[in-house]
Amino acid sequence: MNQVAIYTVSEARKRLYSLIKSASRGLRSYEIKLRGKSESVILINKRELESWQETLDILSNPEEIRAIRTGKKQKRTLSHADMLKAVGLGNES
């Protein structure tokens, strides 16, 4: 992920539209700190958040972790065409 720029709420308020526009394009992420608080919020692209959530979902599922480990041990590779055939999307000649 890209580097996170840090703003106070006041700074973020002044630049809110440009921060949202930049984050929505996936160009930057922004941390917005509340004055006098240790908590903050992060402004990121929605796809980035969904990607993190999907990764966490996969990593929290023991069956999926086993499948990943098994796949890594097998070190089996396929060409793009063979992979498409394997999942039923290849050309039926």
PDB file of N, CA and C in Angstrom:
ATOM      1  N   MET A   1       0.831  -1.181   0.000  1.00  0.00           N
ATOM      2  CA  MET A   1       0.000   0.000   0.000  1.00  0.00           C
ATOM      3  C   MET A   1       0.878   1.247   0.000  1.00  0.00           C
ATOM      4  N   ASN A   2       0.311   2.325  -0.439  1.00  0.00           N
ATOM      5  CA  ASN A   2       1.048   3.579  -0.506  1.00  0.00           C
ATOM      6  C   ASN A   2       1.258   4.183   0.876  1.00  0.00           C
ATOM      7  N   GLN A   3       2.113   5.175   0.944  1.00  0.00           N
ATOM      8  CA  GLN A   3       2.397   5.863   2.196  1.00  0.00           C
ATOM      9  C   GLN A   3       1.178   6.681   2.611  1.00  0.00           C
ATOM     10  N   VAL A   4       0.932   6.754   3.905  1.00  0.00           N
ATOM     11  CA  VAL A   4      -0.227   7.462   4.437  1.00  0.00           C
ATOM     12  C   VAL A   4       0.179   8.873   4.846  1.00  0.00           C
ATOM     13  N   ALA A   5      -0.528   9.862   4.316  1.00  0.00           N
ATOM     14  CA  ALA A   5      -0.323  11.250   4.731  1.00  0.00           C
ATOM     15  C   ALA A   5      -1.200  11.512   5.955  1.00  0.00           C
ATOM     16  N   ILE A   6      -0.691  12.312   6.883  1.00  0.00           N
ATOM     17  CA  ILE A   6      -1.399  12.573   8.131  1.00  0.00           C
ATOM     18  C   ILE A   6      -1.872  14.022   8.171  1.00  0.00           C
ATOM     19  N   TYR A   7      -3.158  14.187   8.512  1.00  0.00           N
ATOM     20  CA  TYR A   7      -3.760  15.517   8.620  1.00  0.00           C
ATOM     21  C   TYR A   7      -4.511  15.628   9.936  1.00  0.00           C
ATOM     22  N   THR A   8      -4.598  16.842  10.450  1.00  0.00           N
ATOM     23  CA  THR A   8      -5.520  17.099  11.553  1.00  0.00           C
ATOM     24  C   THR A   8      -6.912  17.222  10.937  1.00  0.00           C
ATOM     25  N   VAL A   9      -7.925  17.183  11.773  1.00  0.00           N
ATOM     26  CA  VAL A   9      -9.297  17.337  11.271  1.00  0.00           C
ATOM     27  C   VAL A   9      -9.443  18.689  10.571  1.00  0.00           C
ATOM     28  N   SER A  10      -8.879  19.730  11.147  1.00  0.00           N
ATOM     29  CA  SER A  10      -8.982  21.069  10.541  1.00  0.00           C
ATOM     30  C   SER A  10      -8.339  21.108   9.158  1.00  0.00           C
ATOM     31  N   GLU A  11      -7.155  20.506   9.040  1.00  0.00           N
ATOM     32  CA  GLU A  11      -6.474  20.468   7.740  1.00  0.00           C
ATOM     33  C   GLU A  11      -7.280  19.640   6.740  1.00  0.00           C
ATOM     34  N   ALA A  12      -7.787  18.501   7.192  1.00  0.00           N
ATOM     35  CA  ALA A  12      -8.559  17.628   6.303  1.00  0.00           C
ATOM     36  C   ALA A  12      -9.842  18.311   5.852  1.00  0.00           C
ATOM     37  N   ARG A  13     -10.481  19.044   6.733  1.00  0.00           N
ATOM     38  CA  ARG A  13     -11.718  19.751   6.387  1.00  0.00           C
ATOM     39  C   ARG A  13     -11.472  20.737   5.252  1.00  0.00           C
ATOM     40  N   LYS A  14     -10.354  21.448   5.304  1.00  0.00           N
ATOM     41  CA  LYS A  14     -10.033  22.427   4.261  1.00  0.00           C
ATOM     42  C   LYS A  14      -9.789  21.766   2.908  1.00  0.00           C
ATOM     43  N   ARG A  15      -9.298  20.542   2.931  1.00  0.00           N
ATOM     44  CA  ARG A  15      -8.923  19.847   1.691  1.00  0.00           C
ATOM     45  C   ARG A  15      -9.793  18.629   1.413  1.00  0.00           C
ATOM     46  N   LEU A  16     -10.950  18.542   2.040  1.00  0.00           N
ATOM     47  CA  LEU A  16     -11.736  17.315   2.014  1.00  0.00           C
ATOM     48  C   LEU A  16     -12.013  16.800   0.610  1.00  0.00           C
ATOM     49  N   TYR A  17     -12.468  17.660  -0.284  1.00  0.00           N
ATOM     50  CA  TYR A  17     -12.795  17.196  -1.636  1.00  0.00           C
ATOM     51  C   TYR A  17     -11.570  16.594  -2.329  1.00  0.00           C
ATOM     52  N   SER A  18     -10.428  17.262  -2.254  1.00  0.00           N
ATOM     53  CA  SER A  18      -9.236  16.745  -2.933  1.00  0.00           C
ATOM     54  C   SER A  18      -8.727  15.459  -2.265  1.00  0.00           C
ATOM     55  N   LEU A  19      -8.870  15.345  -0.954  1.00  0.00           N
ATOM     56  CA  LEU A  19      -8.461  14.116  -0.263  1.00  0.00           C
ATOM     57  C   LEU A  19      -9.351  12.943  -0.693  1.00  0.00           C
ATOM     58  N   ILE A  20     -10.655  13.186  -0.732  1.00  0.00           N
ATOM     59  CA  ILE A  20     -11.589  12.133  -1.149  1.00  0.00           C
ATOM     60  C   ILE A  20     -11.324  11.734  -2.595  1.00  0.00           C
ATOM     61  N   LYS A  21     -11.126  12.714  -3.454  1.00  0.00           N
ATOM     62  CA  LYS A  21     -10.871  12.426  -4.871  1.00  0.00           C
ATOM     63  C   LYS A  21      -9.599  11.596  -5.032  1.00  0.00           C
ATOM     64  N   SER A  22      -8.546  11.966  -4.346  1.00  0.00           N
ATOM     65  CA  SER A  22      -7.278  11.243  -4.427  1.00  0.00           C
ATOM     66  C   SER A  22      -7.409   9.831  -3.864  1.00  0.00           C
ATOM     67  N   ALA A  23      -8.052   9.704  -2.712  1.00  0.00           N
ATOM     68  CA  ALA A  23      -8.230   8.380  -2.100  1.00  0.00           C
ATOM     69  C   ALA A  23      -9.112   7.496  -2.979  1.00  0.00           C
ATOM     70  N   SER A  24     -10.141   8.062  -3.580  1.00  0.00           N
ATOM     71  CA  SER A  24     -11.049   7.260  -4.416  1.00  0.00           C
ATOM     72  C   SER A  24     -10.344   6.694  -5.641  1.00  0.00           C
ATOM     73  N   ARG A  25      -9.319   7.362  -6.097  1.00  0.00           N
ATOM     74  CA  ARG A  25      -8.536   6.874  -7.237  1.00  0.00           C
ATOM     75  C   ARG A  25      -7.482   5.857  -6.815  1.00  0.00           C
ATOM     76  N   GLY A  26      -7.336   5.653  -5.517  1.00  0.00           N
ATOM     77  CA  GLY A  26      -6.336   4.721  -5.017  1.00  0.00           C
ATOM     78  C   GLY A  26      -4.938   5.290  -5.025  1.00  0.00           C
ATOM     79  N   LEU A  27      -4.829   6.611  -5.185  1.00  0.00           N
ATOM     80  CA  LEU A  27      -3.514   7.236  -5.269  1.00  0.00           C
ATOM     81  C   LEU A  27      -2.860   7.404  -3.907  1.00  0.00           C
ATOM     82  N   ARG A  28      -3.644   7.699  -2.902  1.00  0.00           N
ATOM     83  CA  ARG A  28      -3.114   7.966  -1.558  1.00  0.00           C
ATOM     84  C   ARG A  28      -4.096   7.464  -0.517  1.00  0.00           C
ATOM     85  N   SER A  29      -3.610   7.334   0.683  1.00  0.00           N
ATOM     86  CA  SER A  29      -4.434   7.067   1.855  1.00  0.00           C
ATOM     87  C   SER A  29      -4.122   8.170   2.865  1.00  0.00           C
ATOM     88  N   TYR A  30      -5.092   8.496   3.693  1.00  0.00           N
ATOM     89  CA  TYR A  30      -4.930   9.615   4.615  1.00  0.00           C
ATOM     90  C   TYR A  30      -5.351   9.223   6.020  1.00  0.00           C
ATOM     91  N   GLU A  31      -4.522   9.598   6.978  1.00  0.00           N
ATOM     92  CA  GLU A  31      -4.873   9.447   8.383  1.00  0.00           C
ATOM     93  C   GLU A  31      -5.335  10.806   8.872  1.00  0.00           C
ATOM     94  N   ILE A  32      -6.472  10.827   9.542  1.00  0.00           N
ATOM     95  CA  ILE A  32      -7.009  12.076  10.070  1.00  0.00           C
ATOM     96  C   ILE A  32      -7.062  11.937  11.583  1.00  0.00           C
ATOM     97  N   LYS A  33      -6.284  12.793  12.258  1.00  0.00           N
ATOM     98  CA  LYS A  33      -6.145  12.723  13.712  1.00  0.00           C
ATOM     99  C   LYS A  33      -7.057  13.732  14.392  1.00  0.00           C
ATOM    100  N   LEU A  34      -7.702  13.261  15.440  1.00  0.00           N
ATOM    101  CA  LEU A  34      -8.522  14.147  16.262  1.00  0.00           C
ATOM    102  C   LEU A  34      -7.633  14.828  17.289  1.00  0.00           C
ATOM    103  N   ARG A  35      -7.826  16.116  17.471  1.00  0.00           N
ATOM    104  CA  ARG A  35      -7.001  16.875  18.407  1.00  0.00           C
ATOM    105  C   ARG A  35      -7.144  16.322  19.819  1.00  0.00           C
ATOM    106  N   GLY A  36      -6.013  16.064  20.456  1.00  0.00           N
ATOM    107  CA  GLY A  36      -6.003  15.608  21.831  1.00  0.00           C
ATOM    108  C   GLY A  36      -6.413  14.155  22.019  1.00  0.00           C
ATOM    109  N   LYS A  37      -6.583  13.427  20.948  1.00  0.00           N
ATOM    110  CA  LYS A  37      -7.006  12.023  21.039  1.00  0.00           C
ATOM    111  C   LYS A  37      -5.938  11.141  20.411  1.00  0.00           C
ATOM    112  N   SER A  38      -5.807   9.933  20.944  1.00  0.00           N
ATOM    113  CA  SER A  38      -4.856   8.997  20.346  1.00  0.00           C
ATOM    114  C   SER A  38      -5.490   8.259  19.168  1.00  0.00           C
ATOM    115  N   GLU A  39      -6.823   8.269  19.088  1.00  0.00           N
ATOM    116  CA  GLU A  39      -7.512   7.601  17.989  1.00  0.00           C
ATOM    117  C   GLU A  39      -7.474   8.468  16.738  1.00  0.00           C
ATOM    118  N   SER A  40      -7.557   7.799  15.605  1.00  0.00           N
ATOM    119  CA  SER A  40      -7.628   8.517  14.342  1.00  0.00           C
ATOM    120  C   SER A  40      -8.454   7.674  13.375  1.00  0.00           C
ATOM    121  N   VAL A  41      -8.739   8.224  12.218  1.00  0.00           N
ATOM    122  CA  VAL A  41      -9.448   7.490  11.173  1.00  0.00           C
ATOM    123  C   VAL A  41      -8.582   7.478   9.924  1.00  0.00           C
ATOM    124  N   ILE A  42      -8.859   6.520   9.064  1.00  0.00           N
ATOM    125  CA  ILE A  42      -8.123   6.403   7.821  1.00  0.00           C
ATOM    126  C   ILE A  42      -9.098   6.572   6.654  1.00  0.00           C
ATOM    127  N   LEU A  43      -8.731   7.376   5.702  1.00  0.00           N
ATOM    128  CA  LEU A  43      -9.505   7.572   4.484  1.00  0.00           C
ATOM    129  C   LEU A  43      -8.780   6.810   3.377  1.00  0.00           C
ATOM    130  N   ILE A  44      -9.421   5.719   2.894  1.00  0.00           N
ATOM    131  CA  ILE A  44      -8.806   4.900   1.855  1.00  0.00           C
ATOM    132  C   ILE A  44      -9.824   4.584   0.768  1.00  0.00           C
ATOM    133  N   ASN A  45      -9.323   4.098  -0.338  1.00  0.00           N
ATOM    134  CA  ASN A  45     -10.137   3.659  -1.453  1.00  0.00           C
ATOM    135  C   ASN A  45     -10.985   2.462  -1.018  1.00  0.00           C
ATOM    136  N   LYS A  46     -12.243   2.422  -1.446  1.00  0.00           N
ATOM    137  CA  LYS A  46     -13.147   1.348  -1.061  1.00  0.00           C
ATOM    138  C   LYS A  46     -12.624  -0.017  -1.505  1.00  0.00           C
ATOM    139  N   ARG A  47     -12.066  -0.105  -2.719  1.00  0.00           N
ATOM    140  CA  ARG A  47     -11.528  -1.383  -3.194  1.00  0.00           C
ATOM    141  C   ARG A  47     -10.389  -1.865  -2.309  1.00  0.00           C
ATOM    142  N   GLU A  48      -9.583  -0.946  -1.817  1.00  0.00           N
ATOM    143  CA  GLU A  48      -8.474  -1.295  -0.920  1.00  0.00           C
ATOM    144  C   GLU A  48      -9.025  -1.904   0.369  1.00  0.00           C
ATOM    145  N   LEU A  49     -10.040  -1.272   0.941  1.00  0.00           N
ATOM    146  CA  LEU A  49     -10.667  -1.800   2.155  1.00  0.00           C
ATOM    147  C   LEU A  49     -11.252  -3.181   1.902  1.00  0.00           C
ATOM    148  N   GLU A  50     -11.974  -3.342   0.793  1.00  0.00           N
ATOM    149  CA  GLU A  50     -12.572  -4.641   0.475  1.00  0.00           C
ATOM    150  C   GLU A  50     -11.500  -5.711   0.291  1.00  0.00           C
ATOM    151  N   SER A  51     -10.381  -5.339  -0.296  1.00  0.00           N
ATOM    152  CA  SER A  51      -9.272  -6.273  -0.471  1.00  0.00           C
ATOM    153  C   SER A  51      -8.725  -6.721   0.881  1.00  0.00           C
ATOM    154  N   TRP A  52      -8.550  -5.791   1.799  1.00  0.00           N
ATOM    155  CA  TRP A  52      -8.074  -6.131   3.142  1.00  0.00           C
ATOM    156  C   TRP A  52      -9.069  -7.040   3.838  1.00  0.00           C
ATOM    157  N   GLN A  53     -10.368  -6.730   3.711  1.00  0.00           N
ATOM    158  CA  GLN A  53     -11.391  -7.549   4.352  1.00  0.00           C
ATOM    159  C   GLN A  53     -11.388  -8.969   3.787  1.00  0.00           C
ATOM    160  N   GLU A  54     -11.234  -9.098   2.486  1.00  0.00           N
ATOM    161  CA  GLU A  54     -11.183 -10.415   1.864  1.00  0.00           C
ATOM    162  C   GLU A  54      -9.965 -11.198   2.341  1.00  0.00           C
ATOM    163  N   THR A  55      -8.825 -10.529   2.423  1.00  0.00           N
ATOM    164  CA  THR A  55      -7.613 -11.188   2.922  1.00  0.00           C
ATOM    165  C   THR A  55      -7.808 -11.663   4.354  1.00  0.00           C
ATOM    166  N   LEU A  56      -8.379 -10.822   5.200  1.00  0.00           N
ATOM    167  CA  LEU A  56      -8.632 -11.220   6.584  1.00  0.00           C
ATOM    168  C   LEU A  56      -9.599 -12.398   6.655  1.00  0.00           C
ATOM    169  N   ASP A  57     -10.604 -12.396   5.792  1.00  0.00           N
ATOM    170  CA  ASP A  57     -11.557 -13.496   5.745  1.00  0.00           C
ATOM    171  C   ASP A  57     -10.856 -14.805   5.376  1.00  0.00           C
ATOM    172  N   ILE A  58     -10.009 -14.749   4.361  1.00  0.00           N
ATOM    173  CA  ILE A  58      -9.260 -15.936   3.932  1.00  0.00           C
ATOM    174  C   ILE A  58      -8.343 -16.419   5.048  1.00  0.00           C
ATOM    175  N   LEU A  59      -7.616 -15.493   5.662  1.00  0.00           N
ATOM    176  CA  LEU A  59      -6.658 -15.870   6.694  1.00  0.00           C
ATOM    177  C   LEU A  59      -7.315 -16.367   7.977  1.00  0.00           C
ATOM    178  N   SER A  60      -8.592 -16.062   8.160  1.00  0.00           N
ATOM    179  CA  SER A  60      -9.285 -16.534   9.356  1.00  0.00           C
ATOM    180  C   SER A  60     -10.001 -17.861   9.126  1.00  0.00           C
ATOM    181  N   ASN A  61      -9.911 -18.401   7.910  1.00  0.00           N
ATOM    182  CA  ASN A  61     -10.568 -19.660   7.580  1.00  0.00           C
ATOM    183  C   ASN A  61      -9.518 -20.772   7.497  1.00  0.00           C
ATOM    184  N   PRO A  62      -9.516 -21.693   8.472  1.00  0.00           N
ATOM    185  CA  PRO A  62      -8.500 -22.757   8.490  1.00  0.00           C
ATOM    186  C   PRO A  62      -8.482 -23.604   7.214  1.00  0.00           C
ATOM    187  N   GLU A  63      -9.633 -23.855   6.617  1.00  0.00           N
ATOM    188  CA  GLU A  63      -9.674 -24.645   5.385  1.00  0.00           C
ATOM    189  C   GLU A  63      -8.969 -23.926   4.240  1.00  0.00           C
ATOM    190  N   GLU A  64      -9.170 -22.628   4.147  1.00  0.00           N
ATOM    191  CA  GLU A  64      -8.518 -21.874   3.079  1.00  0.00           C
ATOM    192  C   GLU A  64      -7.008 -21.799   3.309  1.00  0.00           C
ATOM    193  N   ILE A  65      -6.600 -21.674   4.554  1.00  0.00           N
ATOM    194  CA  ILE A  65      -5.160 -21.663   4.868  1.00  0.00           C
ATOM    195  C   ILE A  65      -4.536 -22.993   4.472  1.00  0.00           C
ATOM    196  N   ARG A  66      -5.217 -24.098   4.783  1.00  0.00           N
ATOM    197  CA  ARG A  66      -4.700 -25.416   4.387  1.00  0.00           C
ATOM    198  C   ARG A  66      -4.579 -25.515   2.869  1.00  0.00           C
ATOM    199  N   ALA A  67      -5.586 -25.036   2.153  1.00  0.00           N
ATOM    200  CA  ALA A  67      -5.546 -25.089   0.687  1.00  0.00           C
ATOM    201  C   ALA A  67      -4.379 -24.271   0.136  1.00  0.00           C
ATOM    202  N   ILE A  68      -4.121 -23.114   0.732  1.00  0.00           N
ATOM    203  CA  ILE A  68      -2.995 -22.277   0.299  1.00  0.00           C
ATOM    204  C   ILE A  68      -1.681 -22.995   0.558  1.00  0.00           C
ATOM    205  N   ARG A  69      -1.534 -23.560   1.751  1.00  0.00           N
ATOM    206  CA  ARG A  69      -0.294 -24.278   2.090  1.00  0.00           C
ATOM    207  C   ARG A  69      -0.085 -25.483   1.176  1.00  0.00           C
ATOM    208  N   THR A  70      -1.177 -26.210   0.892  1.00  0.00           N
ATOM    209  CA  THR A  70      -1.077 -27.365  -0.003  1.00  0.00           C
ATOM    210  C   THR A  70      -0.638 -26.912  -1.387  1.00  0.00           C
ATOM    211  N   GLY A  71      -1.234 -25.854  -1.867  1.00  0.00           N
ATOM    212  CA  GLY A  71      -0.866 -25.322  -3.180  1.00  0.00           C
ATOM    213  C   GLY A  71       0.583 -24.885  -3.242  1.00  0.00           C
ATOM    214  N   LYS A  72       1.067 -24.261  -2.173  1.00  0.00           N
ATOM    215  CA  LYS A  72       2.469 -23.833  -2.142  1.00  0.00           C
ATOM    216  C   LYS A  72       3.407 -25.024  -2.166  1.00  0.00           C
ATOM    217  N   LYS A  73       3.034 -26.100  -1.480  1.00  0.00           N
ATOM    218  CA  LYS A  73       3.869 -27.301  -1.465  1.00  0.00           C
ATOM    219  C   LYS A  73       3.906 -27.969  -2.833  1.00  0.00           C
ATOM    220  N   GLN A  74       2.787 -27.944  -3.526  1.00  0.00           N
ATOM    221  CA  GLN A  74       2.710 -28.593  -4.833  1.00  0.00           C
ATOM    222  C   GLN A  74       3.511 -27.847  -5.891  1.00  0.00           C
ATOM    223  N   LYS A  75       3.598 -26.524  -5.753  1.00  0.00           N
ATOM    224  CA  LYS A  75       4.334 -25.678  -6.703  1.00  0.00           C
ATOM    225  C   LYS A  75       3.980 -26.014  -8.146  1.00  0.00           C
ATOM    226  N   ARG A  76       2.730 -26.293  -8.377  1.00  0.00           N
ATOM    227  CA  ARG A  76       2.249 -26.636  -9.709  1.00  0.00           C
ATOM    228  C   ARG A  76       1.881 -25.357 -10.442  1.00  0.00           C
ATOM    229  N   THR A  77       2.339 -25.242 -11.666  1.00  0.00           N
ATOM    230  CA  THR A  77       1.994 -24.073 -12.460  1.00  0.00           C
ATOM    231  C   THR A  77       1.265 -24.514 -13.720  1.00  0.00           C
ATOM    232  N   LEU A  78       0.425 -23.630 -14.211  1.00  0.00           N
ATOM    233  CA  LEU A  78      -0.332 -23.876 -15.437  1.00  0.00           C
ATOM    234  C   LEU A  78      -0.181 -22.671 -16.349  1.00  0.00           C
ATOM    235  N   SER A  79      -0.266 -22.923 -17.641  1.00  0.00           N
ATOM    236  CA  SER A  79      -0.323 -21.798 -18.572  1.00  0.00           C
ATOM    237  C   SER A  79      -1.700 -21.148 -18.418  1.00  0.00           C
ATOM    238  N   HIS A  80      -1.825 -19.958 -18.912  1.00  0.00           N
ATOM    239  CA  HIS A  80      -3.104 -19.254 -18.835  1.00  0.00           C
ATOM    240  C   HIS A  80      -4.196 -20.074 -19.528  1.00  0.00           C
ATOM    241  N   ALA A  81      -3.895 -20.602 -20.713  1.00  0.00           N
ATOM    242  CA  ALA A  81      -4.875 -21.396 -21.474  1.00  0.00           C
ATOM    243  C   ALA A  81      -5.277 -22.649 -20.695  1.00  0.00           C
ATOM    244  N   ASP A  82      -4.305 -23.339 -20.079  1.00  0.00           N
ATOM    245  CA  ASP A  82      -4.617 -24.541 -19.308  1.00  0.00           C
ATOM    246  C   ASP A  82      -5.442 -24.212 -18.064  1.00  0.00           C
ATOM    247  N   MET A  83      -5.156 -23.075 -17.443  1.00  0.00           N
ATOM    248  CA  MET A  83      -5.922 -22.669 -16.276  1.00  0.00           C
ATOM    249  C   MET A  83      -7.369 -22.398 -16.664  1.00  0.00           C
ATOM    250  N   LEU A  84      -7.580 -21.730 -17.793  1.00  0.00           N
ATOM    251  CA  LEU A  84      -8.941 -21.468 -18.258  1.00  0.00           C
ATOM    252  C   LEU A  84      -9.687 -22.773 -18.516  1.00  0.00           C
ATOM    253  N   LYS A  85      -9.012 -23.723 -19.125  1.00  0.00           N
ATOM    254  CA  LYS A  85      -9.627 -25.033 -19.363  1.00  0.00           C
ATOM    255  C   LYS A  85      -9.979 -25.720 -18.047  1.00  0.00           C
ATOM    256  N   ALA A  86      -9.071 -25.626 -17.073  1.00  0.00           N
ATOM    257  CA  ALA A  86      -9.269 -26.281 -15.783  1.00  0.00           C
ATOM    258  C   ALA A  86     -10.510 -25.749 -15.053  1.00  0.00           C
ATOM    259  N   VAL A  87     -10.823 -24.496 -15.251  1.00  0.00           N
ATOM    260  CA  VAL A  87     -11.998 -23.922 -14.588  1.00  0.00           C
ATOM    261  C   VAL A  87     -13.213 -23.863 -15.507  1.00  0.00           C
ATOM    262  N   GLY A  88     -13.078 -24.493 -16.672  1.00  0.00           N
ATOM    263  CA  GLY A  88     -14.216 -24.603 -17.590  1.00  0.00           C
ATOM    264  C   GLY A  88     -14.451 -23.382 -18.465  1.00  0.00           C
ATOM    265  N   LEU A  89     -13.444 -22.564 -18.662  1.00  0.00           N
ATOM    266  CA  LEU A  89     -13.607 -21.365 -19.484  1.00  0.00           C
ATOM    267  C   LEU A  89     -12.792 -21.423 -20.779  1.00  0.00           C
ATOM    268  N   GLY A  90     -12.070 -22.516 -20.991  1.00  0.00           N
ATOM    269  CA  GLY A  90     -11.240 -22.631 -22.182  1.00  0.00           C
ATOM    270  C   GLY A  90     -12.074 -22.905 -23.422  1.00  0.00           C
ATOM    271  N   ASN A  91     -11.477 -22.663 -24.576  1.00  0.00           N
ATOM    272  CA  ASN A  91     -12.143 -22.938 -25.839  1.00  0.00           C
ATOM    273  C   ASN A  91     -12.381 -24.434 -25.982  1.00  0.00           C
ATOM    274  N   GLU A  92     -13.587 -24.780 -26.343  1.00  0.00           N
ATOM    275  CA  GLU A  92     -13.919 -26.177 -26.608  1.00  0.00           C
ATOM    276  C   GLU A  92     -13.672 -26.429 -28.075  1.00  0.00           C
ATOM    277  N   SER A  93     -12.530 -27.039 -28.425  1.00  0.00           N
ATOM    278  CA  SER A  93     -12.200 -27.261 -29.828  1.00  0.00           C
ATOM    279  C   SER A  93     -12.578 -28.633 -30.255  1.00  0.00           C
TER     280      SER A  93
END
